[in-house]
Protein backbone atom coordinates (compact mmCIF):
# COMPACT_ATOMS: atom_id res chain seq x y z
CA MET A 1 177.41 124.79 176.60
CA LYS A 2 175.90 121.93 174.64
CA PRO A 3 172.27 121.47 175.73
CA LYS A 4 171.37 118.18 177.39
CA PHE A 5 168.34 116.27 176.25
CA HIS A 6 166.83 115.75 179.70
CA ARG A 7 167.32 119.33 180.92
CA PHE A 8 165.57 122.66 180.16
CA LEU A 9 162.49 121.60 182.10
CA MET A 10 159.80 123.99 183.27
CA THR A 11 156.35 123.21 184.64
CA ARG A 12 153.38 125.41 183.82
CA GLY A 13 149.85 125.63 185.11
CA ALA A 14 146.78 123.91 183.68
CA GLY A 15 145.76 127.04 181.76
CA ALA A 16 148.97 127.08 179.74
CA ALA A 17 148.68 123.36 179.11
CA LEU A 18 145.12 123.80 177.83
CA LEU A 19 146.20 126.63 175.54
CA LEU A 20 148.96 124.50 174.09
CA ALA A 21 146.59 121.58 173.60
CA MET A 22 144.34 123.83 171.53
CA MET A 23 147.34 124.76 169.37
CA MET A 24 148.35 121.15 168.74
CA PRO A 25 148.25 119.87 165.16
CA THR A 26 146.00 116.86 164.63
CA GLY A 27 147.88 113.58 165.07
CA ALA A 28 150.74 114.97 167.14
CA ALA A 29 149.13 115.15 170.61
CA GLU A 30 150.17 111.72 171.75
CA PRO A 31 153.17 110.43 173.70
CA ARG A 32 155.97 108.88 171.67
CA THR A 33 159.59 107.88 172.12
CA TRP A 34 162.06 110.67 171.36
CA ILE A 35 165.75 109.95 170.81
CA SER A 36 168.56 112.47 171.16
CA ILE A 37 171.48 112.60 168.80
CA ASP A 38 173.66 110.89 171.41
CA GLY A 39 171.20 108.04 171.93
CA ARG A 40 169.25 109.06 175.04
CA VAL A 41 165.52 108.34 175.15
CA LEU A 42 162.55 110.35 176.44
CA GLU A 43 158.82 109.53 176.45
CA ALA A 44 156.99 112.76 175.69
CA GLU A 45 154.39 114.43 173.49
CA LEU A 46 155.11 117.16 170.99
CA LEU A 47 153.69 120.57 171.90
CA ARG A 48 154.94 122.83 169.14
CA ARG A 49 157.87 123.95 167.05
CA LEU A 50 159.59 127.24 167.79
CA GLY A 51 162.04 128.13 165.06
CA ALA A 52 165.08 125.93 165.61
CA ASP A 53 163.58 124.35 168.77
CA VAL A 54 160.68 122.12 169.76
CA GLU A 55 158.74 121.93 172.99
CA LEU A 56 158.02 118.51 174.49
CA ARG A 57 155.92 117.59 177.51
CA ASP A 58 156.90 114.48 179.45
CA LYS A 59 154.58 112.14 181.38
CA ASP A 60 154.94 114.28 184.53
CA GLY A 61 153.71 117.37 182.70
CA ARG A 62 157.11 119.08 182.55
CA ILE A 63 157.88 121.10 179.43
CA SER A 64 161.28 120.74 177.80
CA LYS A 65 162.58 122.98 175.02
CA VAL A 66 164.97 121.04 172.82
CA PRO A 67 167.01 122.17 169.80
CA MET A 68 165.92 120.39 166.62
CA THR A 69 169.57 119.60 165.89
CA SER A 70 169.82 117.55 169.09
CA LEU A 71 167.02 115.21 167.97
CA SER A 72 167.26 112.09 165.86
CA PHE A 73 166.52 112.44 162.16
CA ALA A 74 163.35 110.40 162.68
CA ASP A 75 162.18 112.89 165.31
CA GLN A 76 162.98 115.78 162.99
CA ASP A 77 160.89 114.14 160.26
CA TYR A 78 158.03 113.74 162.74
CA VAL A 79 158.22 117.40 163.76
CA ASN A 80 158.32 118.57 160.15
CA GLU A 81 155.20 116.52 159.40
CA PHE A 82 153.08 117.41 162.42
CA ALA A 83 154.28 120.75 163.80
CA PRO A 84 154.23 123.91 161.68
CA GLU A 85 156.82 126.41 162.78
CA ASP A 86 155.69 128.82 165.51
CA LYS A 87 157.92 131.84 166.18
CA THR A 88 156.07 133.08 169.26
CA LYS A 89 157.69 133.18 172.67
CA SER A 90 158.62 129.84 174.20
CA LEU A 91 157.24 128.71 177.54
CA ALA A 92 160.65 127.38 178.56
CA GLY A 93 163.09 130.18 177.82
CA SER A 94 165.48 130.49 174.89
CA THR A 95 168.04 128.12 173.45
CA PRO A 96 170.74 129.17 170.98
CA THR A 97 170.32 127.86 167.47
CA GLY A 98 172.50 124.79 167.00
CA ALA A 99 174.80 123.99 164.12
CA LYS A 100 173.43 122.36 161.02
CA PRO A 101 173.23 118.61 161.71
CA LYS A 102 175.59 116.17 160.02
CA LEU A 103 175.12 112.47 159.48
CA PRO A 104 175.58 110.82 162.88
CA ASN A 105 176.33 107.17 163.62
CA PRO A 106 174.12 106.37 166.62
CA ALA A 107 174.75 102.62 166.54
CA LYS A 108 178.44 103.20 167.28
CA ASP A 109 178.32 106.45 169.25
CA ALA A 110 175.44 105.90 171.69
CA LYS A 111 176.28 105.12 175.31
CA LEU A 112 174.21 102.15 176.45
CA ASP A 113 173.77 101.00 180.03
CA THR A 114 174.13 97.23 179.69
CA LYS A 115 173.83 96.87 183.48
CA VAL A 116 170.04 96.99 183.10
CA TYR A 117 170.06 93.80 181.00
CA ASN A 118 168.59 90.88 182.97
CA LYS A 119 170.42 87.59 182.31
CA ALA A 120 167.99 85.65 184.51
CA ALA A 121 164.64 86.65 183.01
CA GLY A 122 163.11 83.18 182.99
CA LEU A 123 162.85 80.48 180.34
CA PHE A 124 161.62 80.44 176.73
CA LYS A 125 160.63 77.15 175.11
CA VAL A 126 161.36 76.66 171.41
CA ASN A 127 160.10 73.35 170.07
CA ASP A 128 161.19 70.87 172.76
CA ARG A 129 164.11 72.86 174.16
CA SER A 130 164.05 75.45 176.94
CA TYR A 131 166.42 78.40 176.79
CA ASN A 132 167.49 80.92 179.41
CA VAL A 133 166.38 84.49 178.67
CA CYS A 134 168.52 87.62 178.79
CA GLU A 135 166.03 90.49 178.61
CA THR A 136 166.87 94.00 177.41
CA PRO A 137 164.57 96.97 176.77
CA HIS A 138 163.63 95.63 173.31
CA PHE A 139 164.91 92.04 173.03
CA LYS A 140 164.82 88.62 174.59
CA VAL A 141 168.08 86.83 173.88
CA LEU A 142 167.68 83.08 174.35
CA PHE A 143 170.77 81.12 175.34
CA MET A 144 172.16 78.06 177.04
CA LYS A 145 175.24 78.12 179.23
CA PRO A 146 178.18 78.47 178.74
CA VAL A 147 177.17 80.97 176.03
CA ASP A 148 177.24 84.61 177.18
CA PRO A 149 174.34 86.56 175.59
CA MET A 150 175.59 90.06 176.45
CA ASP A 151 177.48 90.82 173.21
CA VAL A 152 174.49 89.97 171.02
CA ALA A 153 172.16 91.80 173.41
CA GLU A 154 174.23 94.98 173.13
CA LEU A 155 174.53 94.70 169.34
CA ALA A 156 170.78 94.24 168.98
CA GLU A 157 170.02 97.28 171.15
CA ARG A 158 172.51 99.38 169.19
CA LEU A 159 170.89 98.42 165.88
CA TRP A 160 167.43 99.06 167.37
CA LEU A 161 168.56 102.55 168.35
CA ASP A 162 170.10 103.09 164.91
CA THR A 163 166.82 102.24 163.17
CA ALA A 164 164.74 104.30 165.61
CA PHE A 165 167.04 107.25 165.00
CA PHE A 166 166.26 107.33 161.28
CA HIS A 167 162.68 105.99 161.07
CA SER A 168 159.91 108.03 162.67
CA THR A 169 157.38 105.20 163.22
CA PHE A 170 159.80 102.46 164.26
CA THR A 171 159.36 102.77 168.03
CA GLN A 172 155.57 102.44 167.73
CA LYS A 173 156.03 98.90 166.42
CA TRP A 174 157.65 97.86 169.71
CA LYS A 175 155.08 99.18 172.18
CA ASP A 176 153.97 95.75 173.39
CA ARG A 177 156.48 93.46 171.66
CA LYS A 178 160.12 92.56 171.90
CA MET A 179 162.17 90.55 169.44
CA ALA A 180 163.56 87.14 170.30
CA ILE A 181 167.10 86.17 169.29
CA MET A 182 168.22 82.59 169.89
CA LEU A 183 171.87 81.62 170.41
CA VAL A 184 172.37 77.92 169.76
CA ASN A 185 175.49 76.34 171.19
CA ASP A 186 175.60 72.94 169.51
CA GLU A 187 175.08 71.43 166.07
CA GLU A 188 172.18 69.19 167.04
CA ALA A 189 170.14 72.03 168.53
CA TYR A 190 170.79 74.27 165.52
CA GLU A 191 169.69 71.66 163.00
CA ASP A 192 166.69 70.79 165.18
CA ALA A 193 165.52 74.42 165.03
CA GLY A 194 165.76 74.45 161.24
CA SER A 195 163.95 71.13 160.91
CA TRP A 196 161.15 72.36 163.18
CA PHE A 197 160.67 75.46 161.04
CA ALA A 198 160.73 73.40 157.83
CA ASP A 199 158.02 71.16 159.29
CA MET A 200 155.87 74.23 160.03
CA LEU A 201 156.36 75.51 156.48
CA ASN A 202 155.43 72.13 155.06
CA GLU A 203 152.29 71.93 157.18
CA ALA A 204 151.35 75.43 155.97
CA GLY A 205 151.55 74.24 152.37
CA GLN A 206 154.82 76.05 151.60
CA LYS A 207 156.53 72.91 150.36
CA ASP A 208 159.10 74.61 148.10
CA GLN A 209 160.24 76.93 150.88
CA ALA A 210 160.32 74.00 153.31
CA GLY A 211 162.60 72.09 150.95
CA LYS A 212 164.95 75.06 150.54
CA THR A 213 165.06 75.53 154.30
CA ARG A 214 166.02 71.89 154.84
CA ALA A 215 168.77 72.19 152.21
CA THR A 216 170.32 75.49 153.31
CA TRP A 217 169.83 75.49 157.09
CA PRO A 218 172.55 72.95 158.02
CA LYS A 219 175.12 74.96 156.02
CA SER A 220 174.09 78.33 157.40
CA ALA A 221 175.33 80.36 160.37
CA SER A 222 171.97 82.02 160.96
CA GLY A 223 168.35 81.81 159.93
CA THR A 224 164.92 83.23 160.60
CA ILE A 225 162.05 81.26 162.12
CA TYR A 226 158.49 82.57 162.24
CA LEU A 227 156.99 81.53 165.55
CA PRO A 228 153.40 80.32 165.87
CA ALA A 229 151.20 83.29 166.80
CA LYS A 230 150.24 81.80 170.17
CA VAL A 231 153.88 81.32 171.17
CA ALA A 232 154.72 84.89 170.15
CA ASP A 233 151.69 86.30 171.98
CA ASP A 234 152.40 84.32 175.16
CA GLN A 235 156.00 85.52 175.21
CA GLY A 236 155.26 89.10 174.11
CA VAL A 237 157.58 88.95 171.10
CA HIS A 238 157.40 89.50 167.37
CA THR A 239 156.76 86.34 165.37
CA GLN A 240 160.16 86.82 163.71
CA LEU A 241 162.83 84.86 165.63
CA ARG A 242 166.48 85.30 164.66
CA VAL A 243 168.58 82.17 165.21
CA PHE A 244 172.39 82.35 165.40
CA ARG A 245 174.99 79.67 165.78
CA ALA A 246 176.83 80.72 168.92
CA PHE A 247 179.91 78.91 167.69
CA GLU A 248 182.26 78.36 164.80
CA ARG A 249 183.23 74.84 163.91
CA SER A 250 186.96 74.36 164.43
CA GLN A 251 189.24 71.35 164.30
CA TYR A 252 191.06 70.27 167.46
CA GLY A 253 193.17 67.14 167.20
CA GLY A 254 191.24 65.96 164.16
CA LYS A 255 187.86 66.46 165.85
CA ALA A 256 185.34 69.24 165.31
CA LYS A 257 184.69 71.25 168.46
CA PRO A 258 182.70 74.45 168.97
CA ASN A 259 184.61 77.70 169.23
CA PHE A 260 182.22 80.19 170.81
CA ILE A 261 181.92 83.54 169.02
CA LYS A 262 182.71 86.61 171.13
CA GLY A 263 182.52 90.35 170.48
CA VAL A 264 179.83 92.94 169.77
CA TRP A 265 180.67 94.05 166.24
CA ILE A 266 180.62 90.72 164.42
CA PRO A 267 180.04 91.64 160.72
CA PHE A 268 177.70 88.74 159.94
CA ARG A 269 175.54 89.32 163.01
CA THR A 270 175.43 93.03 162.26
CA HIS A 271 174.20 92.24 158.74
CA CYS A 272 171.46 89.91 159.99
CA LEU A 273 170.14 92.14 162.75
CA ALA A 274 170.23 95.27 160.57
CA SER A 275 168.14 93.33 158.06
CA ASP A 276 165.73 92.28 160.82
CA MET A 277 165.28 95.86 162.03
CA LEU A 278 164.41 97.10 158.55
CA ASN A 279 162.06 94.16 158.00
CA ILE A 280 160.16 95.04 161.17
CA GLN A 281 160.05 98.72 160.19
CA ALA A 282 158.95 98.18 156.59
CA GLY A 283 156.68 95.26 157.36
CA GLY A 284 158.08 93.03 154.64
CA VAL A 285 156.79 92.52 151.12
CA SER A 286 154.39 90.04 149.61
CA GLY A 287 157.15 87.64 148.55
CA ILE A 288 160.89 87.21 149.06
CA GLY A 289 161.39 87.56 145.31
CA ALA A 290 159.28 90.70 145.00
CA ALA A 291 160.83 93.18 142.56
CA GLY A 292 163.20 95.53 144.35
CA SER A 293 163.35 93.68 147.67
CA PHE A 294 166.95 92.54 147.12
CA ALA A 295 168.01 96.09 146.24
CA ILE A 296 166.26 97.68 149.23
CA PHE A 297 166.56 95.11 152.03
CA THR A 298 169.70 93.14 151.18
CA GLY A 299 171.49 96.27 150.00
CA HIS A 300 170.67 97.94 153.32
CA ALA A 301 172.00 94.99 155.34
CA TYR A 302 175.33 95.04 153.49
CA TYR A 303 175.50 98.82 153.85
CA LYS A 304 175.10 98.64 157.63
CA GLU A 305 177.49 95.68 157.92
CA ILE A 306 180.29 97.57 156.17
CA LEU A 307 179.50 100.97 157.68
CA LEU A 308 179.55 99.66 161.24
CA THR A 309 182.29 97.00 161.09
CA GLY A 310 184.43 97.95 158.08
CA ARG A 311 184.14 94.38 156.79
CA SER A 312 181.72 92.06 155.05
CA GLU A 313 181.68 88.37 155.90
CA THR A 314 178.16 87.57 154.71
CA SER A 315 177.23 85.19 151.93
CA ILE A 316 173.59 84.52 151.10
CA LEU A 317 172.83 80.82 150.73
CA ARG A 318 170.47 79.55 148.06
CA ALA A 319 169.24 76.16 146.98
CA THR A 320 169.20 75.48 143.25
CA GLY A 321 168.04 72.68 140.99
CA THR A 322 166.25 70.03 143.00
CA GLY A 323 166.97 71.98 146.18
CA ASN A 324 169.95 69.87 147.16
CA ASP A 325 172.56 72.07 145.46
CA VAL A 326 173.47 74.90 147.82
CA SER A 327 175.65 77.85 146.86
CA GLY A 328 176.45 81.22 148.37
CA VAL A 329 176.84 84.72 146.99
CA GLY A 330 178.33 87.85 148.51
CA GLY A 331 180.18 90.91 147.26
CA PHE A 332 183.81 91.41 146.31
CA LYS A 333 186.32 89.67 148.58
CA ASP A 334 187.51 92.73 150.52
CA ALA A 335 184.85 95.19 151.67
CA LYS A 336 187.33 98.05 151.26
CA SER A 337 187.46 97.29 147.54
CA TRP A 338 183.70 97.40 146.96
CA ALA A 339 183.47 101.11 146.16
CA PRO A 340 186.69 101.56 144.10
CA GLU A 341 186.17 98.31 142.19
CA LEU A 342 182.56 99.18 141.36
CA LYS A 343 183.61 102.67 140.24
CA LYS A 344 186.14 101.12 137.90
CA ARG A 345 183.70 98.58 136.48
CA VAL A 346 180.95 101.14 135.93
CA LYS A 347 183.38 103.50 134.20
CA LYS A 348 184.66 100.73 131.89
CA GLY A 349 181.15 99.48 131.18
CA ASP A 350 181.77 96.13 132.89
CA ALA A 351 178.94 96.84 135.37
CA ARG A 352 175.65 98.64 134.72
CA ALA A 353 174.00 100.75 137.37
CA ALA A 354 170.53 100.18 135.93
CA ILE A 355 167.58 100.25 138.31
CA ALA A 356 165.35 98.02 136.19
CA GLU A 357 168.05 95.33 136.08
CA LEU A 358 168.81 95.61 139.80
CA PHE A 359 165.13 95.43 140.74
CA GLY A 360 164.81 92.29 138.64
CA LYS A 361 167.35 90.43 140.78
CA ASP A 362 166.74 88.44 143.94
CA GLN A 363 168.83 86.20 146.18
CA GLU A 364 168.41 83.33 143.73
CA THR A 365 169.78 85.24 140.72
CA ALA A 366 172.19 87.81 142.20
CA ASP A 367 175.94 87.59 141.63
CA GLU A 368 178.78 89.48 143.32
CA VAL A 369 178.39 92.55 141.09
CA THR A 370 174.63 92.66 141.76
CA THR A 371 175.35 92.47 145.49
CA VAL A 372 177.76 95.41 145.37
CA LEU A 373 175.35 97.40 143.19
CA ALA A 374 172.61 96.81 145.79
CA TYR A 375 175.01 98.00 148.49
CA SER A 376 175.80 101.15 146.51
CA PHE A 377 172.10 101.82 145.87
CA ALA A 378 171.32 101.51 149.59
CA ARG A 379 174.18 103.88 150.44
CA PHE A 380 172.95 106.34 147.84
CA LEU A 381 169.38 106.26 149.19
CA GLN A 382 170.68 107.13 152.69
CA SER A 383 173.60 109.44 151.85
CA SER A 384 172.28 112.71 153.34
CA GLN A 385 169.72 113.85 155.89
CA GLU A 386 167.32 114.74 153.09
CA LYS A 387 167.74 111.32 151.50
CA LEU A 388 167.33 109.61 154.87
CA SER A 389 164.04 111.45 155.28
CA ALA A 390 162.97 110.17 151.86
CA PHE A 391 164.09 106.65 152.80
CA ASN A 392 161.99 106.90 155.96
CA LYS A 393 158.94 107.71 153.82
CA LEU A 394 159.80 104.94 151.35
CA CYS A 395 159.92 102.33 154.13
CA GLU A 396 156.64 103.61 155.53
CA ARG A 397 155.04 103.19 152.10
CA ILE A 398 156.35 99.60 151.95
CA SER A 399 154.87 99.00 155.40
CA THR A 400 151.40 100.22 154.44
CA SER A 401 151.26 98.74 150.93
CA ASN A 402 153.15 95.48 151.57
CA GLN A 403 155.14 95.95 148.37
CA ILE A 404 158.10 97.86 146.95
CA PRO A 405 156.88 100.98 145.07
CA GLU A 406 157.59 101.30 141.38
CA PRO A 407 160.92 103.05 140.66
CA ASP A 408 159.09 106.12 139.30
CA ASP A 409 157.33 106.44 142.67
CA ILE A 410 160.59 105.97 144.57
CA ALA A 411 162.09 108.79 142.49
CA LYS A 412 159.33 111.13 143.64
CA PHE A 413 160.16 110.46 147.30
CA TYR A 414 163.59 111.85 146.44
CA GLY A 415 162.25 114.91 144.66
CA LEU A 416 163.10 113.51 141.22
CA GLU A 417 160.84 113.26 138.21
CA ASN A 418 161.20 109.62 137.21
CA THR A 419 163.33 106.46 137.18
CA ALA A 420 165.77 107.92 134.67
CA ALA A 421 166.48 110.88 136.97
CA LEU A 422 166.88 108.58 139.98
CA GLU A 423 169.25 106.34 138.04
CA LYS A 424 171.29 109.33 136.88
CA ALA A 425 171.64 110.55 140.46
CA TRP A 426 172.67 107.05 141.61
CA VAL A 427 175.36 106.79 138.92
CA ALA A 428 176.63 110.27 139.83
CA TYR A 429 176.88 109.13 143.46
CA ILE A 430 178.89 106.04 142.47
CA GLU A 431 181.27 108.22 140.46
CA SER A 432 181.62 110.82 143.23
CA ALA A 433 184.35 111.05 145.86
CA GLU A 434 181.66 110.50 148.52
CA PHE A 435 181.37 106.83 147.51
CA ARG A 436 184.64 105.34 148.69
């Protein structure tokens, strides 16, 4: 029988608990959020590792013995870091060794209880407009009727779970904060939000960025606003606010009318929220054009968009020249063609999988080939459990240093000697049957 994450509980006396506390490795004796491979969550502290199992103690003092293979990859990384293997007798009986884990897809496979989402959780004021709040365990989705926030709320929670599954410190960054997502249901309100943010940028002395925001925002379907610290603190949210148009502009009888967007797995929204989750995990870098940020962050967003929806509908807007000329860039037209077309171009020499060149690109200079190369690089970096563990460490380094490591340092996370070895492995991945 497949073990269940919340079972295998056994309570022991204070003496046993004290003994286990003395055995605890430094840094591990603290409660944290554990996630099972099917998406269930438990607040518990790590006691020790026992071969293929780990022992956890929940807030009520109950001890649970859980197979390592039933835990998220992030939890497995945490155990490997803090708990040396102990082959002595378990306090909670024996559990058969599980099969070797394969790459799961928690964002799609997890069963979420959307009935706990509260669609009447008060109001949230943004600039001069007040929005209704739909509150979930990790998000506040702001909306105005007749927009239904539930699809975006579910998508956000699924992408939160996906990131928590693969990144061992992600849940700690949400202990006292949620993320706000704003659904805007008319053109005037959407442009007002962008203008408000541009004004804040201008007042902060970021005049170039303010000008680009004013130029690109009206033509966009989504954007990011950084809330004033007091607003974020008062509302208990991250400063990063994701804004979505809740509608597509359609023509009815010669007049433009809003056509409200429905569905959970909207490719563009998946791209944006996957990007947001990684930004919160990695902490961002010291500039949007920082070397490697396009390859790591934008590549990841396209990877998740295509992995989870099978499509890509995202173009990145950029202002050029005086800031009034706006253009967009994405990948090849059909997401299904990205891998085979890139294989063909690399083989013929029409595209170069060169890390130095890719890291020198940003959203202002990227073209469609660069975009697909970034996608392939992100897939390569996360193409096995071992590589996902390395990617976890890479993102943690970005979080603590506020910059993308040099390619030679990235190579070492992956057990490779230098950039040349990393590049060779990336090219081999592109040419392999796995990349399709």
